[in-house]
Amino acid sequence: MAMTEEKRKLGRRNFIKAVAAMPAAGALVWKASGMTPVRAGIIGPGGQGRVLMENSPPSHIRLVAVCDIFPQNLEKGLEIARKVHHPRAEAYTDYRKLLERRDIEAVLIAAPLWLHDSMAVDALQAGKHVFCEKTMAHSIEGCRRMIEAAQSARRNLQIGHQRSYSPLYRQAKQLIDGGVIGDVYHVRALWHRNGDWRRRVPDVDFDPSPWGYPDLEHLKNWRLYNKYSQGLMAELGSHQLQVVNWFSGRVPKSVFGSGGIYRYKDSREVEDHVYLIYEYPDSLTVTYSSIQSNALDHYYEEFMGTEGTIILSSEKEAMLFYEGGAKEATELKVESAAGGPVMQASESRARDAAGSNISGASTGFSALRGYQNEIEGFCATIRNGKPNLCDGPNGMAAAVAILKGNESIAKGEKLEIPPQLYYTT
């Protein structure tokens, strides 16, 4: 998607002008006035877990308990909880002990993927509301168990696809729904990076084998091993396929993928390059790639319509280009779309979520705003019955797409995705 800064500015101007011309959409605001904060615990305050903690407003949620098996994560998470949420927040290494606390109403789950369904089901059966990071589960069956447990317990289950709570994405969907770019037959999405995706393994005396990890390498780099992970598609691609499902109102009916371990021959088990073609009903085709050998394009979703194109880049920049150059904007007077400050991201997320735009120009919108909004929305669903914008069936639809994509890569063949694999009531 390399383009000149002049063209990027034009795209941003077009987008803002088009949004201004649309009927006002409902604001994504979940006010805390008159609402008692939800008392909650977090399971897994690693890099992603701490992003959630740092963007969990105490006006909506109070994190009074932190659980992790790794001492360094537990210490860092507890420090945030006691500083921001409750001075006497408690620490646990066994999440079941956290679930035994009757004063805890909800849990945030940011543990490795292979644990999502078992932890979520245990929490729901203990009467807790659950916010679970994406991807929803390591298997389709795990997703279904989570949904059924939530229904049985009559508790809120939300999956952490933060774009659902992003004002930028909701504006883009409004434009597409309003026919601004015409009929969409093709979506191109990607997440490209240049690096090995490894975490440094600390030199500490800690044996993780009682929890299913043979050594610290497998604990710290669980994303690289099949037992715990579903690779690039789960950690990155699921975000973007969830957006396509949401924007189109459809789910994939087939997928063909290829990929492999092309660059990093270092004992990892998941691919470092993946390429997929998804077919949706009504002649929509989606191409997706995630690579670890070139970062020029970073990450974006591009919706190509008969009348124009919308590009959503790095979760903080939106551009609109019309076919034939018609209706191009000529001036820009909107200075900020952020709606207020957000807390600092953790180091693990800062580069992708909070860094400067590739173009070097700021739109005034932080990608981290979606995290704050989704936590506020989670609490508003619990307290006030506000709509859950990414519930279990929505999370499962994205998970089915990525899991079947990985299966297609492994088998080297096109796979049909039967409708019954998706959750239906």
Protein backbone atom coordinates (compact mmCIF):
# COMPACT_ATOMS: atom_id res chain seq x y z
CA MET A 1 0.00 0.00 0.00
CA ALA A 2 2.95 2.34 -0.52
CA MET A 3 1.68 5.80 -1.47
CA THR A 4 2.80 9.38 -1.25
CA GLU A 5 2.02 11.50 1.79
CA GLU A 6 -0.02 13.78 -0.45
CA LYS A 7 -2.24 10.89 -1.45
CA ARG A 8 -2.63 9.73 2.16
CA LYS A 9 -3.72 13.23 3.15
CA LEU A 10 -6.25 13.23 0.34
CA GLY A 11 -7.61 9.89 1.53
CA ARG A 12 -7.94 11.14 5.09
CA ARG A 13 -9.71 14.30 3.95
CA ASN A 14 -12.11 12.29 1.82
CA PHE A 15 -12.94 10.00 4.72
CA ILE A 16 -13.62 12.78 7.22
CA LYS A 17 -15.70 14.74 4.72
CA ALA A 18 -17.77 11.65 3.89
CA VAL A 19 -18.37 10.88 7.57
CA ALA A 20 -19.46 14.48 8.18
CA ALA A 21 -22.02 14.14 5.39
CA MET A 22 -23.59 11.00 6.90
CA PRO A 23 -26.39 11.04 9.51
CA ALA A 24 -24.93 11.22 13.01
CA ALA A 25 -24.23 7.76 14.39
CA GLY A 26 -24.75 6.85 18.01
CA ALA A 27 -21.70 7.71 20.09
CA LEU A 28 -19.65 4.91 21.58
CA VAL A 29 -19.91 6.20 25.14
CA TRP A 30 -20.57 4.15 28.22
CA LYS A 31 -20.84 6.66 31.05
CA ALA A 32 -19.82 5.57 34.52
CA SER A 33 -22.11 8.02 36.33
CA GLY A 34 -24.50 6.11 38.55
CA MET A 35 -22.72 2.83 37.80
CA THR A 36 -20.89 0.86 40.45
CA PRO A 37 -17.57 -0.38 39.05
CA VAL A 38 -17.47 -4.10 38.27
CA ARG A 39 -15.17 -5.97 40.68
CA ALA A 40 -12.96 -8.21 38.60
CA GLY A 41 -9.79 -10.24 38.41
CA ILE A 42 -7.41 -10.82 35.53
CA ILE A 43 -5.91 -14.16 34.55
CA GLY A 44 -2.70 -13.69 32.60
CA PRO A 45 -1.15 -10.23 33.11
CA GLY A 46 1.53 -10.80 30.49
CA GLY A 47 2.14 -8.31 27.68
CA GLN A 48 -1.41 -8.36 26.28
CA GLY A 49 -2.95 -8.68 29.73
CA ARG A 50 -1.18 -5.55 30.90
CA VAL A 51 -2.49 -3.66 27.86
CA LEU A 52 -5.98 -4.52 29.09
CA MET A 53 -5.12 -3.52 32.64
CA GLU A 54 -3.63 -0.18 31.57
CA ASN A 55 -6.74 0.58 29.53
CA SER A 56 -9.30 -0.58 32.10
CA PRO A 57 -10.78 2.60 33.59
CA PRO A 58 -11.36 2.33 37.37
CA SER A 59 -14.58 4.26 36.85
CA HIS A 60 -15.99 1.12 35.19
CA ILE A 61 -13.93 -1.79 36.54
CA ARG A 62 -11.85 -2.48 39.64
CA LEU A 63 -9.22 -5.16 39.23
CA VAL A 64 -8.92 -6.56 42.75
CA ALA A 65 -7.12 -9.82 41.88
CA VAL A 66 -4.32 -10.88 39.54
CA CYS A 67 -3.35 -14.44 38.59
CA ASP A 68 -0.33 -15.75 36.73
CA ILE A 69 1.98 -18.75 37.10
CA PHE A 70 5.09 -16.76 36.09
CA PRO A 71 6.43 -14.62 38.97
CA GLN A 72 7.56 -11.69 36.81
CA ASN A 73 4.17 -11.32 35.15
CA LEU A 74 2.41 -11.65 38.48
CA GLU A 75 4.58 -8.97 40.05
CA LYS A 76 4.08 -6.51 37.20
CA GLY A 77 0.34 -7.13 37.06
CA LEU A 78 -0.06 -6.75 40.80
CA GLU A 79 1.83 -3.46 40.71
CA ILE A 80 -0.60 -2.04 38.14
CA ALA A 81 -3.65 -3.38 39.99
CA ARG A 82 -2.56 -1.90 43.33
CA LYS A 83 -1.50 1.41 41.85
CA VAL A 84 -4.53 2.00 39.63
CA HIS A 85 -7.39 -0.17 40.87
CA HIS A 86 -7.19 -1.28 44.50
CA PRO A 87 -4.34 -0.85 47.01
CA ARG A 88 -4.99 -4.30 48.47
CA ALA A 89 -5.38 -6.25 45.24
CA GLU A 90 -4.37 -9.88 45.80
CA ALA A 91 -2.15 -12.22 43.82
CA TYR A 92 -2.81 -15.85 42.84
CA THR A 93 -0.98 -18.56 40.95
CA ASP A 94 -4.06 -20.82 40.75
CA TYR A 95 -6.91 -19.19 38.86
CA ARG A 96 -9.44 -21.48 40.55
CA LYS A 97 -8.65 -19.80 43.87
CA LEU A 98 -9.46 -16.46 42.28
CA LEU A 99 -12.76 -17.84 41.01
CA GLU A 100 -13.70 -18.94 44.54
CA ARG A 101 -13.95 -15.31 45.66
CA ARG A 102 -17.59 -14.35 45.92
CA ASP A 103 -16.84 -10.63 45.71
CA ILE A 104 -15.40 -11.00 42.20
CA GLU A 105 -18.07 -10.56 39.55
CA ALA A 106 -16.03 -10.88 36.37
CA VAL A 107 -12.69 -12.04 34.99
CA LEU A 108 -10.51 -10.88 32.14
CA ILE A 109 -8.71 -13.81 30.48
CA ALA A 110 -5.46 -13.06 28.64
CA ALA A 111 -3.76 -16.44 29.08
CA PRO A 112 -2.23 -18.45 26.19
CA LEU A 113 -4.80 -19.56 23.62
CA TRP A 114 -4.87 -23.25 24.55
CA LEU A 115 -6.29 -22.33 27.99
CA HIS A 116 -9.06 -19.98 26.89
CA ASP A 117 -11.96 -22.41 26.76
CA SER A 118 -11.19 -24.29 29.99
CA MET A 119 -10.61 -21.10 31.98
CA ALA A 120 -13.66 -19.36 30.51
CA VAL A 121 -15.95 -22.32 31.15
CA ASP A 122 -14.69 -22.64 34.74
CA ALA A 123 -15.26 -18.92 35.29
CA LEU A 124 -18.75 -18.96 33.81
CA GLN A 125 -19.72 -22.01 35.84
CA ALA A 126 -18.46 -20.16 38.91
CA GLY A 127 -20.96 -17.41 38.11
CA LYS A 128 -18.48 -14.87 36.72
CA HIS A 129 -18.90 -12.70 33.65
CA VAL A 130 -16.05 -13.30 31.21
CA PHE A 131 -14.03 -11.08 28.91
CA CYS A 132 -11.72 -13.37 26.92
CA GLU A 133 -9.00 -12.20 24.61
CA LYS A 134 -9.08 -13.26 20.99
CA THR A 135 -8.80 -15.70 19.36
CA MET A 136 -11.75 -17.18 21.20
CA ALA A 137 -10.41 -20.72 21.59
CA HIS A 138 -7.85 -23.18 20.25
CA SER A 139 -10.59 -25.31 18.66
CA ILE A 140 -14.09 -24.94 17.25
CA GLU A 141 -15.38 -27.25 19.95
CA GLY A 142 -13.83 -25.02 22.59
CA CYS A 143 -15.67 -22.00 21.21
CA ARG A 144 -18.96 -23.83 21.36
CA ARG A 145 -18.36 -24.93 24.95
CA MET A 146 -17.76 -21.32 25.95
CA ILE A 147 -20.99 -20.11 24.35
CA GLU A 148 -23.04 -22.89 25.90
CA ALA A 149 -21.52 -22.26 29.35
CA ALA A 150 -22.37 -18.55 29.10
CA GLN A 151 -25.93 -19.32 28.11
CA SER A 152 -26.33 -21.87 30.88
CA ALA A 153 -24.90 -19.51 33.51
CA ARG A 154 -26.72 -16.46 32.10
CA ARG A 155 -23.54 -14.48 32.19
CA ASN A 156 -21.93 -12.03 29.78
CA LEU A 157 -19.25 -13.49 27.49
CA GLN A 158 -17.31 -10.97 25.42
CA ILE A 159 -14.42 -11.71 23.05
CA GLY A 160 -11.59 -9.19 22.76
CA HIS A 161 -11.86 -8.04 19.15
CA GLN A 162 -11.35 -4.39 20.01
CA ARG A 163 -12.10 -3.10 16.51
CA SER A 164 -15.79 -3.73 17.27
CA TYR A 165 -15.52 -0.92 19.81
CA SER A 166 -13.41 1.43 17.67
CA PRO A 167 -15.14 4.66 16.55
CA LEU A 168 -12.92 4.66 13.45
CA TYR A 169 -14.15 1.24 12.34
CA ARG A 170 -17.75 2.03 13.15
CA GLN A 171 -17.54 5.16 10.99
CA ALA A 172 -16.07 3.11 8.14
CA LYS A 173 -18.87 0.57 8.41
CA GLN A 174 -21.44 3.35 8.34
CA LEU A 175 -19.97 4.64 5.08
CA ILE A 176 -19.95 1.17 3.50
CA ASP A 177 -23.50 0.46 4.68
CA GLY A 178 -24.53 3.83 3.25
CA GLY A 179 -23.27 2.86 -0.20
CA VAL A 180 -20.47 5.44 -0.32
CA ILE A 181 -18.06 3.02 -2.03
CA GLY A 182 -20.71 1.05 -3.90
CA ASP A 183 -20.77 -2.75 -4.03
CA VAL A 184 -17.80 -4.51 -2.46
CA TYR A 185 -16.53 -7.64 -4.18
CA HIS A 186 -12.98 -7.74 -2.86
CA VAL A 187 -11.27 -7.09 0.47
CA ARG A 188 -7.52 -7.20 0.90
CA ALA A 189 -6.09 -7.45 4.41
CA LEU A 190 -2.62 -8.08 5.72
CA TRP A 191 -0.32 -7.86 8.72
CA HIS A 192 3.34 -7.69 7.72
CA ARG A 193 6.31 -7.51 10.07
CA ASN A 194 10.04 -8.07 9.82
CA GLY A 195 11.15 -10.02 12.86
CA ASP A 196 11.20 -13.45 14.43
CA TRP A 197 8.22 -12.98 16.83
CA ARG A 198 10.29 -14.35 19.70
CA ARG A 199 10.19 -13.19 23.30
CA ARG A 200 13.39 -13.15 25.30
CA VAL A 201 13.61 -16.09 27.67
CA PRO A 202 14.72 -14.75 31.08
CA ASP A 203 17.47 -16.42 33.05
CA VAL A 204 15.45 -17.23 36.16
CA ASP A 205 14.98 -20.29 38.33
CA PHE A 206 11.43 -21.27 37.46
CA ASP A 207 10.03 -24.64 36.39
CA PRO A 208 6.80 -24.34 34.37
CA SER A 209 6.41 -28.08 33.77
CA PRO A 210 3.60 -28.52 36.36
CA TRP A 211 1.48 -26.28 34.12
CA GLY A 212 2.17 -28.13 30.86
CA TYR A 213 5.22 -26.26 29.56
CA PRO A 214 8.41 -28.36 29.41
CA ASP A 215 10.65 -25.32 29.86
CA LEU A 216 10.71 -21.53 29.92
CA GLU A 217 11.17 -21.39 26.15
CA HIS A 218 7.74 -22.97 25.66
CA LEU A 219 6.15 -20.77 28.32
CA LYS A 220 7.52 -17.47 27.02
CA ASN A 221 7.25 -18.36 23.32
CA TRP A 222 4.04 -20.36 23.46
CA ARG A 223 2.84 -18.61 20.26
CA LEU A 224 5.43 -20.59 18.28
CA TYR A 225 4.20 -24.08 19.29
CA ASN A 226 1.14 -25.92 18.04
CA LYS A 227 0.06 -27.27 21.42
CA TYR A 228 -0.59 -23.77 22.73
CA SER A 229 -1.06 -21.62 19.64
CA GLN A 230 -2.76 -21.28 16.27
CA GLY A 231 0.03 -19.08 14.95
CA LEU A 232 -0.16 -15.90 12.93
CA MET A 233 -3.76 -16.39 11.92
CA ALA A 234 -4.95 -16.55 15.52
CA GLU A 235 -2.76 -13.80 16.91
CA LEU A 236 -3.11 -11.37 14.00
CA GLY A 237 -5.43 -12.55 11.24
CA SER A 238 -8.41 -13.18 13.51
CA HIS A 239 -8.67 -9.44 14.21
CA GLN A 240 -9.00 -8.63 10.55
CA LEU A 241 -11.27 -11.47 9.51
CA GLN A 242 -13.60 -10.50 12.34
CA VAL A 243 -13.86 -7.04 10.76
CA VAL A 244 -14.68 -8.51 7.34
CA ASN A 245 -17.37 -10.72 8.88
CA TRP A 246 -18.81 -7.74 10.76
CA PHE A 247 -18.73 -5.29 7.87
CA SER A 248 -20.15 -7.74 5.32
CA GLY A 249 -22.66 -9.46 7.58
CA ARG A 250 -21.40 -12.76 6.17
CA VAL A 251 -19.01 -15.57 7.07
CA PRO A 252 -16.62 -17.47 4.78
CA LYS A 253 -17.89 -20.50 2.90
CA SER A 254 -14.48 -21.74 1.73
CA VAL A 255 -10.77 -21.10 2.15
CA PHE A 256 -7.57 -21.97 0.36
CA GLY A 257 -4.29 -21.29 2.11
CA SER A 258 -0.58 -21.83 1.78
CA GLY A 259 2.37 -21.03 3.96
CA GLY A 260 5.26 -22.43 5.86
CA ILE A 261 8.33 -21.87 7.96
CA TYR A 262 10.32 -20.07 5.32
CA ARG A 263 12.70 -17.80 7.20
CA TYR A 264 13.16 -18.84 10.81
CA LYS A 265 14.45 -22.41 11.01
CA ASP A 266 14.67 -22.27 14.80
CA SER A 267 12.52 -25.18 16.07
CA ARG A 268 9.27 -23.23 15.90
CA GLU A 269 6.21 -25.17 14.77
CA VAL A 270 3.94 -22.42 13.40
CA GLU A 271 4.36 -20.80 9.98
CA ASP A 272 6.23 -17.52 9.63
CA HIS A 273 4.47 -16.75 6.31
CA VAL A 274 0.78 -17.41 5.53
CA TYR A 275 -1.34 -16.54 2.48
CA LEU A 276 -5.08 -17.23 2.20
CA ILE A 277 -8.06 -16.71 -0.09
CA TYR A 278 -11.51 -16.72 1.51
CA GLU A 279 -14.73 -16.98 -0.47
CA TYR A 280 -17.83 -15.44 1.08
CA PRO A 281 -21.43 -15.68 -0.13
CA ASP A 282 -22.64 -13.19 -2.76
CA SER A 283 -19.35 -13.04 -4.68
CA LEU A 284 -17.14 -11.51 -1.98
CA THR A 285 -13.48 -12.63 -2.03
CA VAL A 286 -11.01 -11.81 0.73
CA THR A 287 -7.26 -12.21 0.41
CA TYR A 288 -5.10 -12.26 3.52
CA SER A 289 -1.39 -12.48 4.20
CA SER A 290 0.83 -12.31 7.27
CA ILE A 291 4.58 -12.40 6.79
CA GLN A 292 7.67 -11.97 8.94
CA SER A 293 10.17 -10.82 6.33
CA ASN A 294 9.06 -7.31 5.34
CA ALA A 295 7.25 -4.58 7.29
CA LEU A 296 6.65 -1.93 4.62
CA ASP A 297 2.85 -2.21 4.62
CA HIS A 298 2.52 -2.90 8.37
CA TYR A 299 -1.17 -3.80 8.70
CA TYR A 300 -4.43 -2.65 7.16
CA GLU A 301 -7.80 -3.68 5.75
CA GLU A 302 -8.77 -2.44 2.27
CA PHE A 303 -12.39 -2.57 1.12
CA MET A 304 -12.67 -2.20 -2.66
CA GLY A 305 -16.05 -1.05 -3.96
CA THR A 306 -17.43 -0.19 -7.36
CA GLU A 307 -17.52 3.50 -6.40
CA GLY A 308 -14.47 3.79 -4.15
CA THR A 309 -12.07 2.23 -1.67
CA ILE A 310 -11.75 2.50 2.12
CA ILE A 311 -8.44 1.66 3.77
CA LEU A 312 -8.15 1.24 7.53
CA SER A 313 -4.49 1.35 8.46
CA SER A 314 -2.87 0.38 11.77
CA GLU A 315 -6.18 0.86 13.62
CA LYS A 316 -5.70 4.63 13.69
CA GLU A 317 -5.90 5.97 10.15
CA ALA A 318 -8.80 5.82 7.69
CA MET A 319 -8.62 6.81 4.03
CA LEU A 320 -11.26 7.01 1.30
CA PHE A 321 -10.52 7.13 -2.42
CA TYR A 322 -13.22 7.50 -5.05
CA GLU A 323 -13.13 5.69 -8.37
CA GLY A 324 -12.09 8.08 -11.14
CA GLY A 325 -11.11 10.79 -8.67
CA ALA A 326 -14.65 12.17 -8.37
CA LYS A 327 -15.81 14.02 -5.26
CA GLU A 328 -12.32 14.40 -3.84
CA ALA A 329 -12.10 16.58 -0.73
CA THR A 330 -10.09 19.79 -0.87
CA GLU A 331 -9.75 20.87 2.75
CA LEU A 332 -9.59 19.42 6.23
CA LYS A 333 -10.79 21.17 9.38
CA VAL A 334 -11.24 18.27 11.80
CA GLU A 335 -8.29 18.10 14.19
CA SER A 336 -8.97 15.09 16.40
CA ALA A 337 -11.06 11.95 16.43
CA ALA A 338 -9.69 10.50 19.62
CA GLY A 339 -12.32 11.57 22.11
CA GLY A 340 -9.79 11.91 24.90
CA PRO A 341 -6.53 10.52 26.18
CA VAL A 342 -5.76 6.90 26.88
CA MET A 343 -3.25 5.29 29.20
CA GLN A 344 0.15 4.19 27.99
CA ALA A 345 0.44 0.83 26.24
CA SER A 346 2.70 -1.88 27.49
CA GLU A 347 5.94 -2.40 25.62
CA SER A 348 4.58 -5.47 23.86
CA ARG A 349 1.76 -3.55 22.23
CA ALA A 350 3.18 -0.04 21.95
CA ARG A 351 4.90 -0.50 18.60
CA ASP A 352 1.80 -1.70 16.77
CA ALA A 353 -0.87 0.18 18.66
CA ALA A 354 0.52 3.46 19.83
CA GLY A 355 3.42 4.28 17.53
CA SER A 356 3.38 7.07 15.00
CA ASN A 357 1.57 6.58 11.72
CA ILE A 358 3.67 5.12 8.94
CA SER A 359 3.02 8.31 7.01
CA GLY A 360 4.45 10.36 9.85
CA ALA A 361 1.20 12.29 10.26
CA SER A 362 -1.14 11.82 13.19
CA THR A 363 -4.87 11.48 12.72
CA GLY A 364 -5.44 12.20 16.40
CA PHE A 365 -6.84 8.71 16.96
CA SER A 366 -5.13 6.14 19.16
CA ALA A 367 -5.49 2.45 18.41
CA LEU A 368 -5.60 1.89 22.16
CA ARG A 369 -8.94 3.64 22.39
CA GLY A 370 -10.61 0.45 21.23
CA TYR A 371 -9.24 -1.39 24.27
CA GLN A 372 -10.64 1.17 26.67
CA ASN A 373 -13.97 1.19 24.89
CA GLU A 374 -14.31 -2.60 24.90
CA ILE A 375 -13.70 -2.79 28.65
CA GLU A 376 -16.18 0.02 29.28
CA GLY A 377 -18.67 -1.76 27.03
CA PHE A 378 -18.12 -5.07 28.83
CA CYS A 379 -19.00 -3.40 32.12
CA ALA A 380 -21.97 -1.54 30.65
CA THR A 381 -23.38 -4.83 29.36
CA ILE A 382 -23.09 -6.29 32.86
CA ARG A 383 -24.48 -3.27 34.71
CA ASN A 384 -26.98 -1.76 32.30
CA GLY A 385 -27.71 -4.42 29.71
CA LYS A 386 -26.03 -2.47 26.92
CA PRO A 387 -25.44 -4.48 23.72
CA ASN A 388 -22.41 -6.74 23.64
CA LEU A 389 -20.69 -5.73 20.39
CA CYS A 390 -18.55 -8.88 20.17
CA ASP A 391 -20.31 -11.77 21.86
CA GLY A 392 -19.57 -15.48 21.73
CA PRO A 393 -21.13 -16.21 18.32
CA ASN A 394 -19.28 -13.26 16.77
CA GLY A 395 -16.01 -14.37 18.29
CA MET A 396 -16.61 -17.92 17.17
CA ALA A 397 -17.26 -16.84 13.57
CA ALA A 398 -13.79 -15.30 13.42
CA ALA A 399 -12.26 -18.33 15.12
CA VAL A 400 -13.85 -20.77 12.66
CA ALA A 401 -12.41 -18.79 9.75
CA ILE A 402 -8.87 -18.81 11.11
CA LEU A 403 -8.96 -22.44 12.29
CA LYS A 404 -10.18 -23.66 8.90
CA GLY A 405 -7.57 -21.42 7.27
CA ASN A 406 -4.83 -23.11 9.25
CA GLU A 407 -6.25 -26.49 8.36
CA SER A 408 -6.19 -25.57 4.67
CA ILE A 409 -2.53 -24.53 4.94
CA ALA A 410 -1.66 -27.80 6.66
CA LYS A 411 -3.48 -29.92 4.08
CA GLY A 412 -2.49 -27.84 1.06
CA GLU A 413 -5.98 -27.88 -0.35
CA LYS A 414 -9.10 -25.79 -0.63
CA LEU A 415 -11.61 -26.47 2.14
CA GLU A 416 -15.33 -25.85 2.23
CA ILE A 417 -16.59 -24.38 5.51
CA PRO A 418 -19.99 -25.93 6.27
CA PRO A 419 -22.50 -23.46 7.72
CA GLN A 420 -23.12 -25.74 10.68
CA LEU A 421 -19.59 -25.08 11.95
CA TYR A 422 -20.65 -21.56 12.85
CA TYR A 423 -22.74 -21.11 15.96
CA THR A 424 -26.45 -20.88 15.39
CA THR A 425 -29.16 -20.84 18.04
